[in-house]
Protein backbone atom coordinates (compact mmCIF):
# COMPACT_ATOMS: atom_id res chain seq x y z
CA UNK A 1 -77.13 31.23 -25.59
CA UNK A 2 -77.47 29.56 -22.60
CA UNK A 3 -74.35 28.53 -20.66
CA UNK A 4 -74.35 24.53 -20.14
CA UNK A 5 -73.99 22.59 -16.68
CA UNK A 6 -71.05 20.29 -16.81
CA UNK A 7 -70.39 17.61 -14.63
CA UNK A 8 -67.81 19.51 -12.69
CA UNK A 9 -69.99 22.52 -12.10
CA UNK A 10 -72.62 20.47 -11.16
CA UNK A 11 -70.03 18.12 -8.19
CA UNK A 12 -68.93 21.96 -7.15
CA UNK A 13 -73.32 23.67 -7.55
CA UNK A 14 -74.10 20.48 -5.51
CA UNK A 15 -72.89 21.33 -2.50
CA UNK A 16 -74.82 24.59 -2.56
CA UNK A 17 -77.51 24.28 0.39
CA UNK A 18 -79.73 27.14 0.19
CA UNK A 19 -83.75 27.30 1.26
CA UNK A 20 -85.67 27.91 -2.15
CA UNK A 21 -84.42 29.43 -5.63
CA UNK A 22 -85.06 32.94 -4.54
CA UNK A 23 -80.90 33.00 -3.11
CA UNK A 24 -79.52 31.83 -6.63
CA UNK A 25 -81.42 34.49 -8.84
CA UNK A 26 -78.88 34.85 -11.43
CA UNK A 27 -77.92 31.23 -11.73
CA UNK A 28 -78.99 29.66 -15.27
CA UNK A 29 -82.14 27.58 -15.32
CA UNK A 30 -79.39 24.81 -15.65
CA UNK A 31 -77.46 25.63 -12.76
CA UNK A 32 -80.65 26.14 -10.41
CA UNK A 33 -81.90 22.39 -11.41
CA UNK A 34 -79.01 21.21 -10.05
CA UNK A 35 -77.83 22.81 -6.98
CA UNK A 36 -80.56 25.37 -5.66
CA UNK A 37 -83.19 23.74 -3.46
CA UNK A 38 -81.23 21.82 0.17
CA UNK A 39 -83.90 19.33 -0.36
CA UNK A 40 -85.29 18.79 -4.20
CA UNK A 41 -85.77 21.39 -6.75
CA UNK A 42 -88.90 23.80 -7.10
CA UNK A 43 -88.18 25.58 -10.10
CA UNK A 44 -90.29 25.16 -13.32
CA UNK A 45 -89.23 21.15 -13.76
CA UNK A 46 -88.80 19.03 -10.61
CA UNK A 47 -87.73 16.83 -13.11
CA UNK A 48 -83.79 16.61 -14.60
CA UNK A 49 -82.64 15.23 -17.54
CA UNK A 50 -78.47 14.04 -17.86
CA UNK A 51 -77.24 13.47 -21.31
CA UNK A 52 -76.22 10.04 -21.79
CA UNK A 53 -74.57 10.17 -25.19
CA UNK A 54 -71.61 12.25 -26.08
CA UNK A 55 -73.70 15.23 -27.99
CA UNK A 56 -77.51 15.91 -28.23
CA UNK A 57 -78.79 18.30 -30.17
CA UNK A 58 -81.14 21.30 -28.66
CA UNK A 59 -83.90 21.16 -31.71
CA UNK A 60 -86.15 24.04 -32.13
CA UNK A 61 -89.58 21.98 -32.34
CA UNK A 62 -89.73 17.90 -31.34
CA UNK A 63 -88.20 16.42 -33.92
CA UNK A 64 -85.30 15.87 -36.69
CA UNK A 65 -86.31 18.50 -38.90
CA UNK A 66 -86.72 21.50 -36.74
CA UNK A 67 -83.36 24.62 -36.06
CA UNK A 68 -80.15 23.08 -34.66
CA UNK A 69 -79.67 25.01 -31.54
CA UNK A 70 -76.75 23.68 -30.02
CA UNK A 71 -75.37 21.10 -28.70
CA UNK A 72 -75.64 19.50 -25.27
CA UNK A 73 -72.86 16.80 -24.36
CA UNK A 74 -72.10 13.81 -22.41
CA UNK A 75 -73.43 14.21 -18.77
CA UNK A 76 -75.02 18.13 -18.93
CA UNK A 77 -78.13 18.20 -16.65
CA UNK A 78 -80.96 20.34 -17.85
CA UNK A 79 -84.61 20.88 -16.43
CA UNK A 80 -87.50 18.91 -17.80
CA UNK A 81 -91.10 21.18 -18.22
CA UNK A 82 -92.39 18.40 -20.42
CA UNK A 83 -92.59 15.48 -22.55
CA UNK A 84 -94.08 16.19 -25.98
CA UNK A 85 -95.00 13.58 -29.25
CA UNK A 86 -92.71 14.55 -31.90
CA UNK A 87 -90.81 12.95 -35.01
CA UNK A 88 -87.90 10.24 -33.50
CA UNK A 89 -84.91 10.21 -34.26
CA UNK A 90 -85.30 6.25 -34.59
CA UNK A 91 -89.06 4.96 -35.73
CA UNK A 92 -88.91 3.26 -32.12
CA UNK A 93 -89.44 6.45 -30.09
CA UNK A 94 -91.54 9.26 -30.44
CA UNK A 95 -91.16 11.28 -27.36
CA UNK A 96 -88.86 14.23 -26.76
CA UNK A 97 -88.70 16.02 -23.51
CA UNK A 98 -89.37 19.77 -23.92
CA UNK A 99 -86.19 21.25 -22.02
CA UNK A 100 -84.82 25.47 -21.55
CA UNK A 101 -84.18 26.58 -25.15
CA UNK A 102 -85.59 24.02 -26.95
CA UNK A 103 -86.18 19.80 -27.17
CA UNK A 104 -84.39 17.27 -27.31
CA UNK A 105 -84.31 13.22 -27.48
CA UNK A 106 -85.66 11.80 -25.11
CA UNK A 107 -83.89 8.30 -26.18
CA UNK A 108 -80.34 10.16 -24.67
CA UNK A 109 -81.34 11.66 -21.80
CA UNK A 110 -81.45 9.86 -18.41
CA UNK A 111 -84.63 11.04 -16.39
CA UNK A 112 -83.56 11.69 -12.49
CA UNK A 113 -84.41 14.23 -10.19
CA UNK A 114 -81.79 16.00 -7.31
CA UNK A 115 -82.88 14.70 -3.65
CA UNK A 116 -79.97 15.44 -0.63
CA UNK A 117 -80.62 13.12 2.19
CA UNK A 118 -80.04 13.30 5.64
CA UNK A 119 -77.01 11.37 6.61
CA UNK A 120 -77.56 7.40 8.96
CA UNK A 121 -76.18 8.24 12.68
CA UNK A 122 -74.61 4.54 11.59
CA UNK A 123 -74.74 1.54 8.82
CA UNK A 124 -75.44 -1.69 9.77
CA UNK A 125 -72.00 -3.63 10.02
CA UNK A 126 -73.69 -6.35 7.88
CA UNK A 127 -74.19 -3.63 4.93
CA UNK A 128 -77.18 -1.37 3.61
CA UNK A 129 -78.28 -0.87 0.27
CA UNK A 130 -79.14 2.62 -1.15
CA UNK A 131 -79.69 4.10 -4.42
CA UNK A 132 -78.09 7.37 -5.47
CA UNK A 133 -80.53 9.93 -5.58
CA UNK A 134 -78.94 13.11 -7.57
CA UNK A 135 -78.13 13.08 -11.10
CA UNK A 136 -74.48 12.15 -10.92
CA UNK A 137 -71.69 12.04 -8.06
CA UNK A 138 -67.96 11.51 -7.61
CA UNK A 139 -66.82 8.07 -5.60
CA UNK A 140 -63.41 8.98 -4.19
CA UNK A 141 -60.51 6.73 -3.29
CA UNK A 142 -60.75 8.64 -0.17
CA UNK A 143 -62.92 10.33 1.99
CA UNK A 144 -62.52 13.72 1.44
CA UNK A 145 -63.26 15.52 -1.82
CA UNK A 146 -59.41 15.84 -3.03
CA UNK A 147 -58.69 12.70 -3.08
CA UNK A 148 -58.68 10.82 -6.54
CA UNK A 149 -62.04 10.37 -8.54
CA UNK A 150 -62.53 6.85 -9.19
CA UNK A 151 -66.15 6.81 -10.29
CA UNK A 152 -68.93 8.83 -11.78
CA UNK A 153 -71.47 7.27 -10.58
CA UNK A 154 -75.00 8.15 -12.05
CA UNK A 155 -79.11 8.22 -11.15
CA UNK A 156 -80.25 5.55 -9.54
CA UNK A 157 -77.74 3.21 -8.89
CA UNK A 158 -77.90 1.07 -7.06
CA UNK A 159 -74.54 0.39 -3.67
CA UNK A 160 -74.15 -1.61 -0.99
CA UNK A 161 -72.50 0.04 1.75
CA UNK A 162 -70.88 -1.41 4.61
CA UNK A 163 -69.14 2.21 6.51
CA UNK A 164 -69.65 5.91 7.72
CA UNK A 165 -67.01 8.50 7.95
CA UNK A 166 -67.29 12.35 9.41
CA UNK A 167 -64.33 14.67 8.88
CA UNK A 168 -63.73 15.86 12.20
CA UNK A 169 -62.57 19.46 10.99
CA UNK A 170 -65.66 19.85 8.20
CA UNK A 171 -68.35 17.37 9.42
CA UNK A 172 -68.72 16.08 5.95
CA UNK A 173 -70.11 12.78 6.22
CA UNK A 174 -69.12 9.81 3.73
CA UNK A 175 -70.18 6.73 2.49
CA UNK A 176 -68.22 3.72 1.82
CA UNK A 177 -69.08 1.73 -0.82
CA UNK A 178 -68.16 -2.61 -0.71
CA UNK A 179 -67.84 -2.72 -3.99
CA UNK A 180 -67.34 -6.89 -5.43
CA UNK A 181 -64.41 -5.80 -8.44
CA UNK A 182 -62.51 -4.14 -5.06
CA UNK A 183 -62.49 -0.69 -6.29
CA UNK A 184 -62.90 2.42 -3.88
CA UNK A 185 -65.96 4.19 -3.53
CA UNK A 186 -66.35 6.83 -1.41
CA UNK A 187 -69.35 9.17 -1.59
CA UNK A 188 -70.68 11.75 0.52
CA UNK A 189 -73.44 10.56 1.88
CA UNK A 190 -76.36 13.18 1.14
CA UNK A 191 -76.63 11.61 -2.28
CA UNK A 192 -77.09 8.22 -1.16
CA UNK A 193 -81.09 7.33 -0.62
CA UNK A 194 -80.35 4.18 2.04
CA UNK A 195 -83.38 1.58 1.26
CA UNK A 196 -85.63 -0.10 4.49
CA UNK A 197 -85.81 -3.85 4.02
CA UNK A 198 -89.34 -3.36 3.62
CA UNK A 199 -88.39 -1.71 0.10
CA UNK A 200 -87.18 -4.77 -1.34
CA UNK A 201 -90.15 -6.75 0.11
CA UNK A 202 -91.36 -9.20 -2.29
CA UNK A 203 -94.83 -8.87 -4.19
CA UNK A 204 -97.02 -11.23 -4.61
CA UNK A 205 -95.33 -13.89 -2.00
CA UNK A 206 -98.64 -16.10 -2.61
CA UNK A 207 -98.77 -16.58 -6.01
CA UNK A 208 -97.13 -19.69 -6.83
CA UNK A 209 -98.20 -19.68 -10.59
CA UNK A 210 -96.32 -16.40 -12.26
CA UNK A 211 -94.40 -16.02 -15.74
CA UNK A 212 -92.64 -13.98 -17.69
CA UNK A 213 -93.37 -13.70 -21.69
CA UNK A 214 -90.43 -11.68 -23.51
CA UNK A 215 -91.21 -10.20 -27.14
CA UNK A 216 -87.88 -9.87 -28.65
CA UNK A 217 -89.79 -8.28 -32.18
CA UNK A 218 -91.29 -5.66 -30.49
CA UNK A 219 -88.77 -5.29 -27.45
CA UNK A 220 -91.74 -5.54 -25.07
CA UNK A 221 -91.75 -7.89 -21.10
CA UNK A 222 -94.80 -8.74 -19.55
CA UNK A 223 -95.66 -10.44 -16.24
CA UNK A 224 -97.86 -12.70 -16.00
CA UNK A 225 -99.96 -14.23 -13.12
CA UNK A 226 -102.23 -17.31 -14.68
CA UNK A 227 -102.99 -15.72 -17.24
CA UNK A 228 -104.07 -12.69 -16.13
CA UNK A 229 -100.77 -9.62 -17.28
CA UNK A 230 -100.40 -8.06 -14.20
CA UNK A 231 -97.24 -6.15 -15.33
CA UNK A 232 -95.86 -4.59 -18.56
CA UNK A 233 -92.49 -2.91 -19.40
CA UNK A 234 -90.12 -2.12 -22.52
CA UNK A 235 -87.03 -3.61 -23.32
CA UNK A 236 -83.56 -3.48 -25.01
CA UNK A 237 -82.24 -6.99 -25.06
CA UNK A 238 -79.10 -7.79 -27.04
CA UNK A 239 -77.38 -5.96 -30.27
CA UNK A 240 -75.04 -7.29 -33.04
CA UNK A 241 -71.59 -5.13 -32.94
CA UNK A 242 -69.86 -3.23 -35.08
CA UNK A 243 -66.29 -1.62 -35.55
CA UNK A 244 -65.60 1.73 -36.54
CA UNK A 245 -65.03 0.67 -40.16
CA UNK A 246 -69.15 -0.37 -39.88
CA UNK A 247 -67.77 -3.67 -40.25
CA UNK A 248 -69.49 -6.42 -37.98
CA UNK A 249 -67.85 -8.07 -34.70
CA UNK A 250 -69.59 -10.22 -33.61
CA UNK A 251 -73.01 -9.99 -31.09
CA UNK A 252 -74.55 -10.53 -28.18
CA UNK A 253 -78.38 -11.21 -29.12
CA UNK A 254 -80.31 -12.64 -26.37
CA UNK A 255 -81.56 -16.43 -27.51
CA UNK A 256 -84.86 -16.85 -27.55
CA UNK A 257 -85.99 -20.08 -25.40
CA UNK A 258 -87.20 -20.67 -22.11
CA UNK A 259 -85.31 -20.01 -18.55
CA UNK A 260 -85.72 -20.29 -14.95
CA UNK A 261 -84.63 -17.05 -12.81
CA UNK A 262 -81.29 -19.06 -10.97
CA UNK A 263 -79.96 -16.23 -9.67
CA UNK A 264 -80.40 -12.78 -8.10
CA UNK A 265 -78.75 -9.19 -6.80
CA UNK A 266 -79.79 -6.06 -5.61
CA UNK A 267 -76.99 -5.00 -6.96
CA UNK A 268 -73.78 -6.14 -9.21
CA UNK A 269 -70.30 -3.84 -10.84
CA UNK A 270 -71.00 -5.29 -14.13
CA UNK A 271 -67.86 -5.40 -16.50
CA UNK A 272 -66.73 -7.11 -19.29
CA UNK A 273 -66.77 -6.52 -23.76
CA UNK A 274 -63.96 -6.28 -25.94
CA UNK A 275 -61.98 -3.26 -26.46
CA UNK A 276 -63.68 -1.51 -28.80
CA UNK A 277 -67.17 -2.23 -27.00
CA UNK A 278 -66.31 -3.41 -23.65
CA UNK A 279 -68.50 -1.90 -20.56
CA UNK A 280 -67.51 -0.85 -16.72
CA UNK A 281 -70.69 -0.21 -14.51
CA UNK A 282 -70.66 0.28 -10.88
CA UNK A 283 -74.28 -0.34 -8.80
CA UNK A 284 -76.14 -2.36 -11.56
CA UNK A 285 -79.60 -2.23 -9.76
CA UNK A 286 -81.82 -5.46 -9.09
CA UNK A 287 -80.38 -8.17 -11.26
CA UNK A 288 -82.08 -11.20 -12.43
CA UNK A 289 -80.49 -13.98 -13.99
CA UNK A 290 -81.60 -16.18 -16.04
CA UNK A 291 -79.27 -16.99 -19.38
CA UNK A 292 -76.29 -19.78 -18.36
CA UNK A 293 -73.45 -16.70 -19.96
CA UNK A 294 -74.89 -13.95 -17.77
CA UNK A 295 -77.94 -12.93 -19.25
CA UNK A 296 -80.11 -10.71 -16.64
CA UNK A 297 -82.85 -9.02 -16.19
CA UNK A 298 -81.76 -5.12 -14.40
CA UNK A 299 -81.49 -1.57 -14.57
CA UNK A 300 -79.88 0.19 -16.16
CA UNK A 301 -79.03 3.99 -16.10
CA UNK A 302 -76.81 4.86 -18.82
CA UNK A 303 -79.28 5.18 -22.05
CA UNK A 304 -82.84 5.62 -22.09
CA UNK A 305 -83.08 3.97 -25.38
CA UNK A 306 -85.98 1.47 -24.63
CA UNK A 307 -87.68 -0.22 -27.58
CA UNK A 308 -84.18 -1.26 -29.89
CA UNK A 309 -82.13 -3.64 -28.77
CA UNK A 310 -78.42 -2.29 -27.62
CA UNK A 311 -77.33 -4.35 -24.75
CA UNK A 312 -74.89 -6.77 -24.55
CA UNK A 313 -77.25 -9.67 -23.77
CA UNK A 314 -79.69 -8.93 -20.56
CA UNK A 315 -83.13 -7.28 -20.96
CA UNK A 316 -82.23 -3.75 -19.85
CA UNK A 317 -85.57 -2.08 -18.24
CA UNK A 318 -85.64 1.24 -16.30
CA UNK A 319 -84.78 1.23 -12.79
CA UNK A 320 -88.87 0.69 -11.49
CA UNK A 321 -89.38 -1.63 -13.79
CA UNK A 322 -86.65 -3.94 -12.73
CA UNK A 323 -86.73 -3.29 -9.15
CA UNK A 324 -90.36 -4.52 -9.80
CA UNK A 325 -88.94 -7.40 -11.22
CA UNK A 326 -87.01 -8.17 -8.94
CA UNK A 327 -89.32 -8.36 -5.72
CA UNK A 328 -92.37 -9.73 -8.41
CA UNK A 329 -89.79 -13.18 -9.20
CA UNK A 330 -89.19 -15.69 -7.27
CA UNK A 331 -87.08 -16.61 -5.33
CA UNK A 332 -87.77 -14.49 -3.12
CA UNK A 333 -84.28 -12.15 -1.71
CA UNK A 334 -83.77 -11.26 1.56
CA UNK A 335 -82.65 -7.57 2.78
CA UNK A 336 -79.59 -9.32 4.25
CA UNK A 337 -77.08 -10.65 1.74
CA UNK A 338 -78.96 -9.39 -0.66
CA UNK A 339 -78.21 -11.81 -3.08
CA UNK A 340 -79.71 -15.38 -3.76
CA UNK A 341 -78.54 -18.85 -6.00
CA UNK A 342 -81.21 -21.42 -6.32
CA UNK A 343 -80.45 -25.04 -7.89
CA UNK A 344 -82.64 -26.45 -10.57
CA UNK A 345 -85.39 -26.36 -11.45
CA UNK A 346 -84.76 -22.86 -10.27
CA UNK A 347 -87.29 -20.20 -9.76
CA UNK A 348 -89.89 -18.08 -12.24
CA UNK A 349 -89.66 -18.96 -15.61
CA UNK A 350 -88.75 -16.52 -18.62
CA UNK A 351 -90.35 -17.20 -21.99
CA UNK A 352 -88.48 -15.36 -24.68
CA UNK A 353 -89.76 -15.25 -28.24
CA UNK A 354 -88.03 -14.23 -31.02
């Protein structure tokens, strides 16, 4: 049985600096994927997957009727060799990932990579935005390893940085995340890829006739310029909630209607919900608000289960799709302050159909 790679193992091995993989010949494939390269993984697969469900079955073939080899657990990290089409656990998704030893269902594994970055010499006092470029990293209360861990942060999370600190004895550089929920978060600088302003620059800024159409039945979103569809992506909209006994406790279904975009933020710490169905998610990226109750299009790092309702009312998108929509829609957002709110009639209109 192959050794699974846990969060603590990853955080320990993530600091290993070697050139190539030859220096770690005895590590398992999972361990190599997590920490075996200075700049990126270069083994059999440069793509990684992080388990997002409490547990995930490793199967002998891509389908629920194969042999169950072993369990992977939340935050285990494995190489992804390729995508294959099999029989899905659920009818909305039939894509599986081939990983060491078998196949796992793609809905419950976040695709990610492991990039380390050269720390910047300074951070702009106005703040700079950055994206986590490793599968996961610990955020500490203070800038040193033995400090209390306040959050586990995940790949593609987007954060506002406002301070840089260098340890005198080790030379380790840390970035401080300015969190609007006032949560203390210091992260090792090499884990964060800092965005330049052009990374958030508008797409098709001269086009005025833009709209978004959302099909809740098919869980699809399309962007139009005039009558031309220029972008399409799969989403996860709002879902119904059930208690442990299977009895419904309410719903957060995304409502059909026509809504203008009224606010946008590059990054947002989202928290709320009930005791049974609460959430606390730092670094939600590319947030485009359209609903009066805070519904928004935004990036998602806590699941890869697009194609069925499972949000608290928002439209969950992949990080790549949500960033494109953020840049394409109106109103435009300047890098600083990285957020904007506009009055009626608002920006690009979002038409949602049930």
